[in-house]
Amino acid sequence: MNLNNLRDQIHANAAAKGFWDNNPSDQHFLMLVITELSEAVEADRKGQRFDKEKYEYNEITECQGWLTSKEKFNNVFNRCIKDTVEDELADAFIRLLDLFGAREVYLNEDTFDLETIEEYAVTYQGKSFTESVYHITKFICSCIAPIGRSAIAPEMILLDILGFAKHLNIDLMWHVEQKMKYNQYRMRMHGKKY
């Protein structure tokens, strides 16, 4: 994983969309991460999960000649990925990388090997979905110092989400890639106040 490159791409897109115009605090962005995690809980409660077969079928059948490739992508994304557990976990991961990009936090990419991610996944064995998200949220809330000077390694927060996704058999990086593409097509501030 080239997370430092991904971090920079995500932050550049977020800055271009206006999310950093007022240079919000770390706490502001960490709360938005927690909000995405809460949305993942709601998606789980509603049974909104990514269905790969439905997605692949929609990709093949979305072939109306009058649609642009952007419109086709957005149609399939909105039907098959948007607001699913996978989508919301990708949003949380993206928001963290955006914050790390804004604060120029270097990520030790050697930390993100499969063995380490699997070790983090073990954390979630025997925990319910809500207990797992609570565990991640509690860890995020322990970051009381500014991100660049926190005793908590930024890698650990990302690994927590990657481990949870691994526990759920989610290809989180594929979902991050899809959401990044979707976000590029969205309006300024994604149509929101912040």
N, C-alpha and C. Protein backbone atom coordinates (compact mmCIF):
# COMPACT_ATOMS: atom_id res chain seq x y z
N MET A 1 0.84 -1.19 0.00
CA MET A 1 0.00 0.00 0.00
C MET A 1 0.88 1.24 0.00
N ASN A 2 0.62 2.13 -0.92
CA ASN A 2 1.31 3.41 -0.91
C ASN A 2 0.39 4.43 -0.26
N LEU A 3 0.31 4.36 1.06
CA LEU A 3 -0.65 5.19 1.79
C LEU A 3 -0.28 6.66 1.80
N ASN A 4 1.02 6.98 1.75
CA ASN A 4 1.40 8.39 1.72
C ASN A 4 0.96 9.04 0.41
N ASN A 5 1.07 8.32 -0.68
CA ASN A 5 0.59 8.83 -1.96
C ASN A 5 -0.94 8.96 -1.94
N LEU A 6 -1.60 7.95 -1.43
CA LEU A 6 -3.06 7.96 -1.32
C LEU A 6 -3.51 9.11 -0.42
N ARG A 7 -2.83 9.29 0.70
CA ARG A 7 -3.11 10.39 1.63
C ARG A 7 -3.06 11.73 0.90
N ASP A 8 -2.01 11.92 0.08
CA ASP A 8 -1.85 13.19 -0.64
C ASP A 8 -2.94 13.39 -1.69
N GLN A 9 -3.32 12.33 -2.39
CA GLN A 9 -4.40 12.43 -3.38
C GLN A 9 -5.72 12.80 -2.72
N ILE A 10 -6.02 12.11 -1.63
CA ILE A 10 -7.27 12.36 -0.91
C ILE A 10 -7.31 13.79 -0.38
N HIS A 11 -6.21 14.23 0.22
CA HIS A 11 -6.19 15.59 0.77
C HIS A 11 -6.29 16.63 -0.33
N ALA A 12 -5.62 16.42 -1.45
CA ALA A 12 -5.70 17.39 -2.56
C ALA A 12 -7.14 17.51 -3.05
N ASN A 13 -7.84 16.39 -3.17
CA ASN A 13 -9.23 16.43 -3.62
C ASN A 13 -10.11 17.15 -2.60
N ALA A 14 -9.92 16.84 -1.31
CA ALA A 14 -10.72 17.47 -0.26
C ALA A 14 -10.46 18.97 -0.20
N ALA A 15 -9.21 19.37 -0.36
CA ALA A 15 -8.87 20.80 -0.37
C ALA A 15 -9.52 21.50 -1.57
N ALA A 16 -9.48 20.84 -2.72
CA ALA A 16 -10.09 21.41 -3.93
C ALA A 16 -11.60 21.54 -3.78
N LYS A 17 -12.19 20.67 -2.98
CA LYS A 17 -13.65 20.71 -2.76
C LYS A 17 -14.04 21.69 -1.65
N GLY A 18 -13.05 22.31 -1.00
CA GLY A 18 -13.34 23.35 -0.01
C GLY A 18 -13.36 22.91 1.44
N PHE A 19 -13.04 21.65 1.71
CA PHE A 19 -13.13 21.17 3.08
C PHE A 19 -12.07 21.78 4.01
N TRP A 20 -11.03 22.37 3.44
CA TRP A 20 -9.96 22.94 4.27
C TRP A 20 -9.88 24.45 4.18
N ASP A 21 -10.89 25.10 3.61
CA ASP A 21 -10.87 26.56 3.46
C ASP A 21 -10.70 27.28 4.80
N ASN A 22 -11.30 26.75 5.86
CA ASN A 22 -11.23 27.39 7.18
C ASN A 22 -10.27 26.68 8.13
N ASN A 23 -9.43 25.80 7.60
CA ASN A 23 -8.45 25.04 8.38
C ASN A 23 -9.05 24.51 9.69
N PRO A 24 -10.03 23.57 9.57
CA PRO A 24 -10.67 23.04 10.78
C PRO A 24 -9.69 22.29 11.67
N SER A 25 -10.08 22.15 12.93
CA SER A 25 -9.23 21.50 13.93
C SER A 25 -9.19 19.98 13.72
N ASP A 26 -8.22 19.36 14.36
CA ASP A 26 -8.13 17.90 14.36
C ASP A 26 -9.40 17.29 14.95
N GLN A 27 -9.89 17.90 16.02
CA GLN A 27 -11.08 17.37 16.68
C GLN A 27 -12.29 17.41 15.73
N HIS A 28 -12.38 18.47 14.94
CA HIS A 28 -13.46 18.57 13.95
C HIS A 28 -13.41 17.37 13.00
N PHE A 29 -12.22 17.09 12.48
CA PHE A 29 -12.11 16.01 11.50
C PHE A 29 -12.24 14.63 12.15
N LEU A 30 -11.74 14.49 13.36
CA LEU A 30 -11.90 13.21 14.05
C LEU A 30 -13.38 12.94 14.35
N MET A 31 -14.14 14.01 14.64
CA MET A 31 -15.58 13.83 14.85
C MET A 31 -16.26 13.40 13.56
N LEU A 32 -15.80 13.91 12.43
CA LEU A 32 -16.36 13.48 11.14
C LEU A 32 -16.03 12.01 10.87
N VAL A 33 -14.87 11.56 11.31
CA VAL A 33 -14.52 10.14 11.20
C VAL A 33 -15.50 9.32 12.04
N ILE A 34 -15.74 9.77 13.27
CA ILE A 34 -16.67 9.07 14.15
C ILE A 34 -18.07 9.06 13.55
N THR A 35 -18.46 10.14 12.90
CA THR A 35 -19.75 10.20 12.23
C THR A 35 -19.85 9.14 11.14
N GLU A 36 -18.79 8.99 10.37
CA GLU A 36 -18.79 7.95 9.32
C GLU A 36 -18.91 6.56 9.94
N LEU A 37 -18.23 6.35 11.05
CA LEU A 37 -18.33 5.06 11.73
C LEU A 37 -19.74 4.83 12.26
N SER A 38 -20.38 5.90 12.74
CA SER A 38 -21.78 5.79 13.18
C SER A 38 -22.70 5.46 12.02
N GLU A 39 -22.40 6.03 10.86
CA GLU A 39 -23.19 5.72 9.67
C GLU A 39 -23.00 4.25 9.26
N ALA A 40 -21.82 3.72 9.51
CA ALA A 40 -21.58 2.29 9.25
C ALA A 40 -22.47 1.44 10.16
N VAL A 41 -22.62 1.86 11.41
CA VAL A 41 -23.51 1.15 12.34
C VAL A 41 -24.94 1.18 11.81
N GLU A 42 -25.38 2.35 11.37
CA GLU A 42 -26.74 2.46 10.83
C GLU A 42 -26.92 1.58 9.59
N ALA A 43 -25.92 1.55 8.73
CA ALA A 43 -25.99 0.69 7.54
C ALA A 43 -26.08 -0.78 7.96
N ASP A 44 -25.31 -1.15 8.98
CA ASP A 44 -25.37 -2.53 9.46
C ASP A 44 -26.75 -2.84 10.03
N ARG A 45 -27.31 -1.91 10.78
CA ARG A 45 -28.65 -2.10 11.38
C ARG A 45 -29.70 -2.31 10.30
N LYS A 46 -29.52 -1.63 9.16
CA LYS A 46 -30.49 -1.72 8.06
C LYS A 46 -30.16 -2.85 7.09
N GLY A 47 -29.05 -3.54 7.35
CA GLY A 47 -28.66 -4.65 6.46
C GLY A 47 -28.14 -4.19 5.11
N GLN A 48 -27.58 -2.99 5.07
CA GLN A 48 -27.07 -2.43 3.81
C GLN A 48 -25.61 -2.83 3.63
N ARG A 49 -25.41 -3.90 2.89
CA ARG A 49 -24.07 -4.42 2.62
C ARG A 49 -23.84 -4.44 1.11
N PHE A 50 -22.60 -4.33 0.73
CA PHE A 50 -22.21 -4.40 -0.67
C PHE A 50 -22.45 -5.80 -1.21
N ASP A 51 -23.11 -5.86 -2.35
CA ASP A 51 -23.39 -7.13 -3.02
C ASP A 51 -22.58 -7.15 -4.32
N LYS A 52 -21.49 -7.91 -4.30
CA LYS A 52 -20.58 -7.94 -5.45
C LYS A 52 -21.27 -8.43 -6.72
N GLU A 53 -22.12 -9.43 -6.61
CA GLU A 53 -22.80 -9.95 -7.80
C GLU A 53 -23.73 -8.90 -8.40
N LYS A 54 -24.46 -8.20 -7.56
CA LYS A 54 -25.35 -7.12 -8.02
C LYS A 54 -24.53 -6.02 -8.69
N TYR A 55 -23.39 -5.71 -8.08
CA TYR A 55 -22.51 -4.67 -8.63
C TYR A 55 -22.01 -5.08 -10.02
N GLU A 56 -21.50 -6.28 -10.13
CA GLU A 56 -20.97 -6.74 -11.42
C GLU A 56 -22.05 -6.78 -12.48
N TYR A 57 -23.26 -7.22 -12.12
CA TYR A 57 -24.39 -7.24 -13.05
C TYR A 57 -24.73 -5.81 -13.50
N ASN A 58 -24.78 -4.88 -12.55
CA ASN A 58 -25.10 -3.48 -12.88
C ASN A 58 -24.02 -2.84 -13.74
N GLU A 59 -22.76 -3.20 -13.50
CA GLU A 59 -21.68 -2.68 -14.33
C GLU A 59 -21.85 -3.10 -15.78
N ILE A 60 -22.26 -4.35 -15.99
CA ILE A 60 -22.44 -4.87 -17.34
C ILE A 60 -23.66 -4.27 -18.01
N THR A 61 -24.77 -4.14 -17.27
CA THR A 61 -26.03 -3.71 -17.87
C THR A 61 -26.16 -2.19 -17.98
N GLU A 62 -25.33 -1.43 -17.30
CA GLU A 62 -25.40 0.03 -17.36
C GLU A 62 -24.73 0.49 -18.66
N CYS A 63 -25.42 0.29 -19.76
CA CYS A 63 -24.78 0.55 -21.05
C CYS A 63 -25.58 1.48 -21.96
N GLN A 64 -26.48 2.29 -21.39
CA GLN A 64 -27.21 3.22 -22.23
C GLN A 64 -26.22 4.14 -22.93
N GLY A 65 -26.36 4.22 -24.23
CA GLY A 65 -25.41 4.97 -25.05
C GLY A 65 -25.38 6.46 -24.80
N TRP A 66 -26.43 7.02 -24.24
CA TRP A 66 -26.48 8.47 -24.05
C TRP A 66 -25.84 8.93 -22.74
N LEU A 67 -25.43 7.99 -21.89
CA LEU A 67 -24.80 8.35 -20.62
C LEU A 67 -23.30 8.46 -20.77
N THR A 68 -22.71 9.43 -20.07
CA THR A 68 -21.25 9.54 -20.03
C THR A 68 -20.71 8.45 -19.10
N SER A 69 -19.41 8.20 -19.15
CA SER A 69 -18.82 7.20 -18.25
C SER A 69 -18.98 7.65 -16.79
N LYS A 70 -18.93 8.95 -16.54
CA LYS A 70 -19.15 9.48 -15.19
C LYS A 70 -20.57 9.16 -14.73
N GLU A 71 -21.55 9.38 -15.59
CA GLU A 71 -22.95 9.10 -15.22
C GLU A 71 -23.16 7.60 -14.98
N LYS A 72 -22.56 6.78 -15.82
CA LYS A 72 -22.68 5.34 -15.63
C LYS A 72 -22.07 4.92 -14.29
N PHE A 73 -20.87 5.43 -14.00
CA PHE A 73 -20.22 5.10 -12.74
C PHE A 73 -21.08 5.52 -11.56
N ASN A 74 -21.57 6.78 -11.59
CA ASN A 74 -22.40 7.28 -10.49
C ASN A 74 -23.68 6.46 -10.32
N ASN A 75 -24.31 6.08 -11.42
CA ASN A 75 -25.53 5.26 -11.34
C ASN A 75 -25.26 3.94 -10.64
N VAL A 76 -24.20 3.26 -11.05
CA VAL A 76 -23.87 1.96 -10.45
C VAL A 76 -23.45 2.15 -9.00
N PHE A 77 -22.64 3.17 -8.72
CA PHE A 77 -22.21 3.44 -7.35
C PHE A 77 -23.41 3.68 -6.44
N ASN A 78 -24.32 4.56 -6.89
CA ASN A 78 -25.49 4.88 -6.08
C ASN A 78 -26.40 3.68 -5.85
N ARG A 79 -26.51 2.79 -6.82
CA ARG A 79 -27.37 1.61 -6.68
C ARG A 79 -26.73 0.51 -5.84
N CYS A 80 -25.42 0.38 -5.90
CA CYS A 80 -24.78 -0.82 -5.34
C CYS A 80 -23.83 -0.58 -4.17
N ILE A 81 -23.28 0.62 -4.04
CA ILE A 81 -22.24 0.85 -3.02
C ILE A 81 -22.65 1.90 -2.00
N LYS A 82 -23.24 2.99 -2.45
CA LYS A 82 -23.53 4.13 -1.58
C LYS A 82 -24.31 3.71 -0.33
N ASP A 83 -23.87 4.24 0.79
CA ASP A 83 -24.53 4.06 2.09
C ASP A 83 -24.48 2.63 2.64
N THR A 84 -23.60 1.81 2.11
CA THR A 84 -23.41 0.46 2.66
C THR A 84 -22.39 0.53 3.79
N VAL A 85 -22.31 -0.56 4.54
CA VAL A 85 -21.28 -0.67 5.59
C VAL A 85 -19.91 -0.39 4.99
N GLU A 86 -19.64 -1.01 3.85
CA GLU A 86 -18.33 -0.89 3.19
C GLU A 86 -18.04 0.56 2.81
N ASP A 87 -19.05 1.23 2.27
CA ASP A 87 -18.92 2.63 1.85
C ASP A 87 -18.61 3.53 3.05
N GLU A 88 -19.29 3.31 4.16
CA GLU A 88 -19.09 4.15 5.34
C GLU A 88 -17.73 3.91 5.99
N LEU A 89 -17.26 2.66 6.00
CA LEU A 89 -15.92 2.40 6.52
C LEU A 89 -14.86 3.03 5.62
N ALA A 90 -15.10 2.99 4.30
CA ALA A 90 -14.18 3.66 3.37
C ALA A 90 -14.16 5.16 3.65
N ASP A 91 -15.33 5.75 3.91
CA ASP A 91 -15.40 7.18 4.24
C ASP A 91 -14.57 7.50 5.48
N ALA A 92 -14.67 6.67 6.51
CA ALA A 92 -13.89 6.91 7.74
C ALA A 92 -12.40 6.87 7.44
N PHE A 93 -11.98 5.89 6.66
CA PHE A 93 -10.58 5.73 6.29
C PHE A 93 -10.11 6.94 5.47
N ILE A 94 -10.94 7.38 4.54
CA ILE A 94 -10.61 8.53 3.69
C ILE A 94 -10.48 9.79 4.54
N ARG A 95 -11.41 10.00 5.46
CA ARG A 95 -11.34 11.20 6.31
C ARG A 95 -10.06 11.22 7.14
N LEU A 96 -9.66 10.06 7.65
CA LEU A 96 -8.40 10.00 8.41
C LEU A 96 -7.21 10.35 7.53
N LEU A 97 -7.17 9.76 6.33
CA LEU A 97 -6.05 10.07 5.43
C LEU A 97 -6.05 11.54 5.04
N ASP A 98 -7.23 12.12 4.88
CA ASP A 98 -7.33 13.55 4.57
C ASP A 98 -6.71 14.38 5.69
N LEU A 99 -7.07 14.06 6.92
CA LEU A 99 -6.51 14.78 8.07
C LEU A 99 -5.00 14.62 8.13
N PHE A 100 -4.52 13.40 7.91
CA PHE A 100 -3.08 13.17 7.94
C PHE A 100 -2.38 13.92 6.81
N GLY A 101 -3.04 14.04 5.68
CA GLY A 101 -2.48 14.82 4.57
C GLY A 101 -2.40 16.30 4.92
N ALA A 102 -3.45 16.82 5.52
CA ALA A 102 -3.48 18.24 5.91
C ALA A 102 -2.39 18.56 6.92
N ARG A 103 -2.14 17.62 7.83
CA ARG A 103 -1.14 17.83 8.88
C ARG A 103 0.24 17.31 8.50
N GLU A 104 0.37 16.86 7.26
CA GLU A 104 1.64 16.34 6.73
C GLU A 104 2.22 15.25 7.62
N VAL A 105 1.35 14.35 8.04
CA VAL A 105 1.76 13.22 8.88
C VAL A 105 2.31 12.12 7.97
N TYR A 106 3.54 11.77 8.20
CA TYR A 106 4.16 10.67 7.44
C TYR A 106 3.69 9.35 8.01
N LEU A 107 3.26 8.45 7.12
CA LEU A 107 2.80 7.13 7.55
C LEU A 107 3.88 6.10 7.24
N ASN A 108 4.24 5.31 8.22
CA ASN A 108 5.21 4.24 8.02
C ASN A 108 4.51 3.09 7.30
N GLU A 109 4.71 3.02 6.00
CA GLU A 109 3.98 2.06 5.18
C GLU A 109 4.38 0.61 5.46
N ASP A 110 5.55 0.40 6.05
CA ASP A 110 5.97 -0.96 6.40
C ASP A 110 5.05 -1.57 7.46
N THR A 111 4.34 -0.71 8.19
CA THR A 111 3.44 -1.16 9.24
C THR A 111 2.22 -1.90 8.68
N PHE A 112 1.87 -1.62 7.43
CA PHE A 112 0.61 -2.10 6.87
C PHE A 112 0.76 -3.40 6.09
N ASP A 113 1.48 -4.35 6.67
CA ASP A 113 1.61 -5.66 6.02
C ASP A 113 0.42 -6.52 6.41
N LEU A 114 0.17 -7.55 5.65
CA LEU A 114 -0.99 -8.41 5.84
C LEU A 114 -1.00 -9.05 7.24
N GLU A 115 0.16 -9.44 7.72
CA GLU A 115 0.25 -10.08 9.04
C GLU A 115 -0.22 -9.13 10.14
N THR A 116 0.19 -7.86 10.07
CA THR A 116 -0.21 -6.88 11.07
C THR A 116 -1.71 -6.62 10.99
N ILE A 117 -2.23 -6.48 9.78
CA ILE A 117 -3.67 -6.25 9.61
C ILE A 117 -4.46 -7.44 10.17
N GLU A 118 -3.97 -8.65 9.94
CA GLU A 118 -4.64 -9.83 10.49
C GLU A 118 -4.59 -9.84 12.01
N GLU A 119 -3.50 -9.36 12.60
CA GLU A 119 -3.42 -9.26 14.06
C GLU A 119 -4.47 -8.29 14.59
N TYR A 120 -4.66 -7.18 13.89
CA TYR A 120 -5.68 -6.22 14.29
C TYR A 120 -7.08 -6.81 14.11
N ALA A 121 -7.27 -7.64 13.08
CA ALA A 121 -8.57 -8.27 12.83
C ALA A 121 -8.98 -9.16 14.00
N VAL A 122 -8.00 -9.79 14.65
CA VAL A 122 -8.29 -10.68 15.78
C VAL A 122 -8.98 -9.92 16.91
N THR A 123 -8.69 -8.64 17.03
CA THR A 123 -9.29 -7.79 18.06
C THR A 123 -10.82 -7.87 18.02
N TYR A 124 -11.37 -8.10 16.84
CA TYR A 124 -12.83 -8.01 16.67
C TYR A 124 -13.53 -9.36 16.76
N GLN A 125 -12.77 -10.42 16.95
CA GLN A 125 -13.40 -11.73 17.13
C GLN A 125 -14.21 -11.72 18.43
N GLY A 126 -15.43 -12.20 18.34
CA GLY A 126 -16.28 -12.26 19.52
C GLY A 126 -16.96 -10.96 19.88
N LYS A 127 -16.71 -9.89 19.12
CA LYS A 127 -17.36 -8.60 19.37
C LYS A 127 -18.48 -8.41 18.35
N SER A 128 -19.55 -7.78 18.78
CA SER A 128 -20.61 -7.43 17.85
C SER A 128 -20.14 -6.26 16.98
N PHE A 129 -20.92 -5.94 15.96
CA PHE A 129 -20.58 -4.81 15.09
C PHE A 129 -20.49 -3.52 15.90
N THR A 130 -21.49 -3.29 16.74
CA THR A 130 -21.50 -2.05 17.53
C THR A 130 -20.35 -2.01 18.53
N GLU A 131 -20.03 -3.13 19.15
CA GLU A 131 -18.91 -3.16 20.08
C GLU A 131 -17.59 -2.88 19.37
N SER A 132 -17.48 -3.37 18.15
CA SER A 132 -16.27 -3.15 17.35
C SER A 132 -16.11 -1.68 16.99
N VAL A 133 -17.20 -1.07 16.56
CA VAL A 133 -17.14 0.36 16.21
C VAL A 133 -16.90 1.20 17.46
N TYR A 134 -17.48 0.81 18.57
CA TYR A 134 -17.21 1.50 19.84
C TYR A 134 -15.72 1.44 20.17
N HIS A 135 -15.12 0.26 20.00
CA HIS A 135 -13.68 0.08 20.26
C HIS A 135 -12.86 1.08 19.42
N ILE A 136 -13.18 1.19 18.14
CA ILE A 136 -12.44 2.11 17.26
C ILE A 136 -12.69 3.55 17.68
N THR A 137 -13.94 3.88 17.96
CA THR A 137 -14.31 5.25 18.34
C THR A 137 -13.61 5.66 19.64
N LYS A 138 -13.59 4.76 20.60
CA LYS A 138 -12.91 5.05 21.88
C LYS A 138 -11.43 5.33 21.65
N PHE A 139 -10.83 4.57 20.76
CA PHE A 139 -9.42 4.77 20.44
C PHE A 139 -9.20 6.13 19.78
N ILE A 140 -10.07 6.50 18.86
CA ILE A 140 -9.97 7.80 18.20
C ILE A 140 -10.11 8.92 19.23
N CYS A 141 -11.03 8.77 20.16
CA CYS A 141 -11.26 9.80 21.19
C CYS A 141 -10.08 9.94 22.14
N SER A 142 -9.21 8.95 22.18
CA SER A 142 -8.04 9.05 23.04
C SER A 142 -6.96 9.96 22.44
N CYS A 143 -7.17 10.42 21.23
CA CYS A 143 -6.21 11.32 20.56
C CYS A 143 -6.49 12.75 21.00
N ILE A 144 -6.06 13.09 22.21
CA ILE A 144 -6.35 14.42 22.73
C ILE A 144 -5.33 15.47 22.28
N ALA A 145 -4.15 15.06 21.93
CA ALA A 145 -3.14 15.99 21.42
C ALA A 145 -3.34 16.16 19.92
N PRO A 146 -2.86 17.26 19.36
CA PRO A 146 -2.94 17.40 17.90
C PRO A 146 -2.30 16.19 17.22
N ILE A 147 -2.87 15.81 16.09
CA ILE A 147 -2.46 14.59 15.40
C ILE A 147 -0.96 14.48 15.19
N GLY A 148 -0.31 15.53 14.76
CA GLY A 148 1.12 15.47 14.49
C GLY A 148 1.97 15.23 15.72
N ARG A 149 1.42 15.54 16.92
CA ARG A 149 2.19 15.40 18.16
C ARG A 149 1.59 14.37 19.10
N SER A 150 0.59 13.65 18.64
CA SER A 150 -0.10 12.67 19.49
C SER A 150 0.82 11.50 19.81
N ALA A 151 0.64 10.95 20.99
CA ALA A 151 1.39 9.75 21.37
C ALA A 151 0.83 8.53 20.62
N ILE A 152 -0.39 8.67 20.12
CA ILE A 152 -1.02 7.59 19.36
C ILE A 152 -0.51 7.66 17.92
N ALA A 153 0.04 6.58 17.46
CA ALA A 153 0.54 6.57 16.08
C ALA A 153 -0.65 6.58 15.12
N PRO A 154 -0.63 7.49 14.15
CA PRO A 154 -1.72 7.53 13.17
C PRO A 154 -1.94 6.17 12.48
N GLU A 155 -0.85 5.43 12.32
CA GLU A 155 -0.96 4.11 11.70
C GLU A 155 -1.90 3.20 12.49
N MET A 156 -1.91 3.35 13.81
CA MET A 156 -2.73 2.48 14.65
C MET A 156 -4.22 2.69 14.41
N ILE A 157 -4.63 3.93 14.19
CA ILE A 157 -6.04 4.21 13.92
C ILE A 157 -6.43 3.59 12.58
N LEU A 158 -5.58 3.77 11.58
CA LEU A 158 -5.85 3.19 10.26
C LEU A 158 -5.87 1.67 10.33
N LEU A 159 -4.93 1.10 11.08
CA LEU A 159 -4.88 -0.35 11.23
C LEU A 159 -6.11 -0.90 11.94
N ASP A 160 -6.65 -0.13 12.88
CA ASP A 160 -7.88 -0.56 13.54
C ASP A 160 -9.01 -0.72 12.53
N ILE A 161 -9.15 0.25 11.64
CA ILE A 161 -10.22 0.19 10.63
C ILE A 161 -9.93 -0.90 9.61
N LEU A 162 -8.67 -1.01 9.19
CA LEU A 162 -8.30 -2.08 8.25
C LEU A 162 -8.52 -3.47 8.88
N GLY A 163 -8.19 -3.60 10.15
CA GLY A 163 -8.39 -4.87 10.84
C GLY A 163 -9.86 -5.23 10.96
N PHE A 164 -10.68 -4.23 11.27
CA PHE A 164 -12.12 -4.45 11.36
C PHE A 164 -12.67 -4.87 9.99
N ALA A 165 -12.24 -4.18 8.94
CA ALA A 165 -12.67 -4.53 7.59
C ALA A 165 -12.24 -5.95 7.23
N LYS A 166 -11.02 -6.30 7.59
CA LYS A 166 -10.52 -7.65 7.33
C LYS A 166 -11.38 -8.68 8.07
N HIS A 167 -11.70 -8.38 9.31
CA HIS A 167 -12.57 -9.27 10.11
C HIS A 167 -13.92 -9.48 9.42
N LEU A 168 -14.42 -8.44 8.76
CA LEU A 168 -15.71 -8.51 8.06
C LEU A 168 -15.58 -9.01 6.62
N ASN A 169 -14.36 -9.39 6.22
CA ASN A 169 -14.08 -9.82 4.83
C ASN A 169 -14.41 -8.74 3.81
N ILE A 170 -14.06 -7.51 4.15
CA ILE A 170 -14.27 -6.36 3.26
C ILE A 170 -12.93 -5.98 2.64
N ASP A 171 -12.93 -5.82 1.32
CA ASP A 171 -11.76 -5.30 0.61
C ASP A 171 -11.82 -3.78 0.71
N LEU A 172 -11.35 -3.27 1.85
CA LEU A 172 -11.50 -1.85 2.14
C LEU A 172 -10.80 -0.97 1.12
N MET A 173 -9.64 -1.36 0.66
CA MET A 173 -8.91 -0.51 -0.27
C MET A 173 -9.64 -0.39 -1.62
N TRP A 174 -10.34 -1.44 -2.05
CA TRP A 174 -11.15 -1.35 -3.27
C TRP A 174 -12.28 -0.34 -3.06
N HIS A 175 -12.90 -0.38 -1.89
CA HIS A 175 -13.99 0.56 -1.59
C HIS A 175 -13.47 2.00 -1.45
N VAL A 176 -12.29 2.16 -0.90
CA VAL A 176 -11.67 3.49 -0.82
C VAL A 176 -11.46 4.02 -2.24
N GLU A 177 -10.96 3.18 -3.12
CA GLU A 177 -10.72 3.58 -4.51
C GLU A 177 -12.03 4.01 -5.19
N GLN A 178 -13.10 3.25 -4.99
CA GLN A 178 -14.39 3.59 -5.60
C GLN A 178 -14.91 4.90 -5.03
N LYS A 179 -14.79 5.09 -3.72
CA LYS A 179 -15.31 6.31 -3.09
C LYS A 179 -14.50 7.53 -3.51
N MET A 180 -13.19 7.36 -3.68
CA MET A 180 -12.36 8.48 -4.15
C MET A 180 -12.82 8.92 -5.54
N LYS A 181 -13.10 7.97 -6.39
CA LYS A 181 -13.57 8.29 -7.74
C LYS A 181 -14.92 9.01 -7.66
N TYR A 182 -15.81 8.50 -6.84
CA TYR A 182 -17.13 9.11 -6.65
C TYR A 182 -16.99 10.54 -6.12
N ASN A 183 -16.12 10.73 -5.13
CA ASN A 183 -15.93 12.05 -4.54
C ASN A 183 -15.40 13.08 -5.53
N GLN A 184 -14.60 12.64 -6.48
CA GLN A 184 -14.08 13.56 -7.50
C GLN A 184 -15.20 14.19 -8.30
N TYR A 185 -16.29 13.46 -8.48
CA TYR A 185 -17.41 13.94 -9.29
C TYR A 185 -18.40 14.79 -8.50
N ARG A 186 -18.24 14.84 -7.20
CA ARG A 186 -19.21 15.55 -6.36
C ARG A 186 -18.96 17.05 -6.34
N MET A 187 -20.01 17.79 -5.96
CA MET A 187 -19.91 19.26 -5.91
C MET A 187 -19.08 19.72 -4.72
N ARG A 188 -18.83 21.00 -4.68
CA ARG A 188 -18.06 21.61 -3.61
C ARG A 188 -18.65 21.23 -2.25
N MET A 189 -17.80 20.84 -1.32
CA MET A 189 -18.18 20.44 0.03
C MET A 189 -19.21 19.30 0.00
N HIS A 190 -19.30 18.62 -1.12
CA HIS A 190 -20.27 17.53 -1.33
C HIS A 190 -21.69 18.00 -1.02
N GLY A 191 -21.90 19.33 -1.20
CA GLY A 191 -23.22 19.89 -0.98
C GLY A 191 -23.57 20.09 0.49
N LYS A 192 -22.57 20.01 1.36
CA LYS A 192 -22.83 20.11 2.81
C LYS A 192 -22.21 21.38 3.39
N LYS A 193 -22.60 21.71 4.61
CA LYS A 193 -22.09 22.88 5.30
C LYS A 193 -20.62 22.72 5.69
N TYR A 194 -20.23 21.51 6.12
CA TYR A 194 -18.83 21.21 6.48
C TYR A 194 -18.58 19.73 6.32
